[in-house]
Amino acid sequence: MSFVDLYSSGEHRRNLAHFSSIASLAAIDGEVNPQEKVLLDRFARKLDITDAEYAEVLSSDNKYPINPPTTSEERLERLYDLFRIIFADHGIDEEEMILINKYAIGLGYSSETAAKLIKRSVEIFGGRLDFEDYLYLVKK
C-alpha cells in the first residue's frame, strides 16, 4: 500500500498525489534547490499537506512519479486541478510557470502542446479572455 492510499479523503488524496508529482519534478535534477523549496512550501500550504506528509514525500526518492492518465480529458483535468491550485492566490509567477511546464510534459504532452495549453490556461484563469472566447464559453 502506498503512502497516498492511507488517506480516506478523496480530495486530500488527490492533493497529496499532486504534491508528490510536483515534488518529484522539483527533485528531478537530484536535489531541491532553495527556490524550488520555497515553491514546494507554498504548494504544501495551498494543498493542506501536513509536515509529516511533506517529509515523507521529500524523503521518498521519487517514490511518487507522475502517473500519466490515459485519456486526454483526464490529462486536462490534472492540469486544471493544478491551475486551480496555482491561481488560488490570483496569480502565477515564473517558478510556477516552469514547474507547470514540467508537469504538463510529465503528463505526456509535447513541449509545443504543453506551451499552448499553459498559455491558454493562464489566459482563462487570469481572466484575460477576449470577447469571442467569453461569448463561446458563456453560450456553451
Protein backbone atom coordinates (compact mmCIF):
# COMPACT_ATOMS: atom_id res chain seq x y z
CA MET A 1 0.00 0.00 0.00
CA SER A 2 1.38 3.39 -0.95
CA PHE A 3 1.54 6.38 1.33
CA VAL A 4 -1.27 8.05 -0.64
CA ASP A 5 -3.59 5.05 -0.09
CA LEU A 6 -3.54 5.62 3.67
CA TYR A 7 -5.85 8.62 3.36
CA SER A 8 -9.59 8.27 3.02
CA SER A 9 -10.42 11.78 1.85
CA GLY A 10 -10.61 11.70 -1.92
CA GLU A 11 -9.77 15.37 -2.24
CA HIS A 12 -6.85 15.12 0.18
CA ARG A 13 -5.52 12.03 -1.61
CA ARG A 14 -5.69 13.91 -4.90
CA ASN A 15 -3.93 16.92 -3.35
CA LEU A 16 -1.24 14.66 -1.92
CA ALA A 17 -0.79 12.95 -5.28
CA HIS A 18 -0.44 16.36 -6.98
CA PHE A 19 2.06 17.48 -4.36
CA SER A 20 4.03 14.26 -4.75
CA SER A 21 4.22 14.75 -8.50
CA ILE A 22 5.29 18.37 -8.08
CA ALA A 23 7.95 17.39 -5.54
CA SER A 24 9.22 14.66 -7.87
CA LEU A 25 9.55 17.21 -10.66
CA ALA A 26 11.37 19.65 -8.38
CA ALA A 27 13.83 16.92 -7.36
CA ILE A 28 14.29 15.54 -10.88
CA ASP A 29 17.75 17.07 -11.19
CA GLY A 30 18.99 15.46 -7.99
CA GLU A 31 18.04 17.82 -5.20
CA VAL A 32 15.59 20.56 -4.40
CA ASN A 33 17.21 23.99 -4.63
CA PRO A 34 16.17 26.90 -2.35
CA GLN A 35 13.80 28.44 -4.94
CA GLU A 36 12.11 25.08 -5.50
CA LYS A 37 11.83 24.61 -1.72
CA VAL A 38 10.00 27.94 -1.41
CA LEU A 39 7.64 26.86 -4.18
CA LEU A 40 7.07 23.44 -2.60
CA ASP A 41 6.35 25.11 0.75
CA ARG A 42 3.76 27.31 -0.95
CA PHE A 43 2.11 24.34 -2.70
CA ALA A 44 2.10 22.37 0.55
CA ARG A 45 0.17 25.17 2.25
CA LYS A 46 -2.27 25.51 -0.66
CA LEU A 47 -2.85 21.74 -0.77
CA ASP A 48 -3.13 21.34 3.01
CA ILE A 49 -0.18 18.93 3.18
CA THR A 50 0.91 18.16 6.75
CA ASP A 51 4.52 18.38 7.88
CA ALA A 52 4.65 14.58 8.16
CA GLU A 53 3.31 14.14 4.62
CA TYR A 54 5.74 16.76 3.33
CA ALA A 55 8.70 14.98 4.94
CA GLU A 56 7.57 11.59 3.63
CA VAL A 57 7.17 12.86 0.07
CA LEU A 58 10.55 14.58 0.05
CA SER A 59 12.36 11.59 1.54
CA SER A 60 10.86 9.11 -0.90
CA ASP A 61 13.44 9.33 -3.72
CA ASN A 62 10.77 9.97 -6.34
CA LYS A 63 8.58 7.23 -4.91
CA TYR A 64 5.55 9.01 -6.36
CA PRO A 65 6.22 9.54 -10.06
CA ILE A 66 3.69 11.22 -12.28
CA ASN A 67 1.31 8.54 -13.43
CA PRO A 68 0.02 9.97 -16.72
CA PRO A 69 -3.66 9.37 -17.36
CA THR A 70 -4.63 7.51 -20.49
CA THR A 71 -7.27 9.89 -21.83
CA SER A 72 -6.92 13.47 -22.98
CA GLU A 73 -9.76 14.54 -20.72
CA GLU A 74 -8.07 13.07 -17.63
CA ARG A 75 -4.78 14.84 -18.50
CA LEU A 76 -6.63 18.12 -18.91
CA GLU A 77 -8.38 17.53 -15.58
CA ARG A 78 -4.99 17.17 -13.85
CA LEU A 79 -3.75 20.38 -15.46
CA TYR A 80 -6.99 22.10 -14.47
CA ASP A 81 -6.54 20.97 -10.87
CA LEU A 82 -3.00 22.32 -10.79
CA PHE A 83 -4.07 25.64 -12.31
CA ARG A 84 -6.80 25.95 -9.67
CA ILE A 85 -4.14 25.46 -7.00
CA ILE A 86 -1.74 27.93 -8.58
CA PHE A 87 -4.39 30.60 -9.11
CA ALA A 88 -5.75 30.28 -5.55
CA ASP A 89 -3.71 33.41 -4.86
CA HIS A 90 -4.90 35.01 -8.15
CA GLY A 91 -1.60 34.88 -9.97
CA ILE A 92 1.18 32.77 -11.40
CA ASP A 93 4.88 33.51 -11.07
CA GLU A 94 7.86 32.42 -13.14
CA GLU A 95 8.78 29.46 -10.91
CA GLU A 96 5.21 28.16 -11.08
CA MET A 97 5.27 28.52 -14.89
CA ILE A 98 8.45 26.44 -15.09
CA LEU A 99 7.01 23.80 -12.80
CA ILE A 100 3.67 23.56 -14.59
CA ASN A 101 5.50 23.20 -17.90
CA LYS A 102 7.44 20.24 -16.46
CA TYR A 103 4.20 18.83 -15.08
CA ALA A 104 2.42 19.08 -18.46
CA ILE A 105 5.32 17.33 -20.19
CA GLY A 106 5.28 14.69 -17.44
CA LEU A 107 1.60 14.12 -18.21
CA GLY A 108 2.56 13.21 -21.76
CA TYR A 109 2.18 16.45 -23.71
CA SER A 110 4.86 17.51 -26.18
CA SER A 111 6.75 20.70 -25.34
CA GLU A 112 4.85 22.59 -28.03
CA THR A 113 1.42 21.34 -26.96
CA ALA A 114 2.26 21.97 -23.29
CA ALA A 115 3.24 25.57 -24.07
CA LYS A 116 -0.04 26.19 -25.93
CA LEU A 117 -2.16 24.62 -23.18
CA ILE A 118 -0.37 26.56 -20.48
CA LYS A 119 -0.65 29.86 -22.34
CA ARG A 120 -4.36 29.35 -22.91
CA SER A 121 -4.95 28.20 -19.33
CA VAL A 122 -3.18 31.26 -17.92
CA GLU A 123 -5.43 33.44 -20.07
CA ILE A 124 -8.52 31.63 -18.80
CA PHE A 125 -7.55 31.51 -15.13
CA GLY A 126 -6.12 35.02 -15.20
CA GLY A 127 -9.38 36.39 -16.56
CA ARG A 128 -7.77 37.67 -19.74
CA LEU A 129 -10.22 36.24 -22.23
CA ASP A 130 -11.11 38.16 -25.33
CA PHE A 131 -14.79 38.73 -26.10
CA GLU A 132 -15.08 35.91 -28.65
CA ASP A 133 -13.80 33.37 -26.15
CA TYR A 134 -16.03 34.74 -23.45
CA LEU A 135 -19.01 34.51 -25.75
CA TYR A 136 -18.15 30.93 -26.70
CA LEU A 137 -17.79 29.85 -23.07
CA VAL A 138 -20.99 31.58 -21.96
CA LYS A 139 -23.10 30.19 -24.79
CA LYS A 140 -21.79 26.66 -24.43
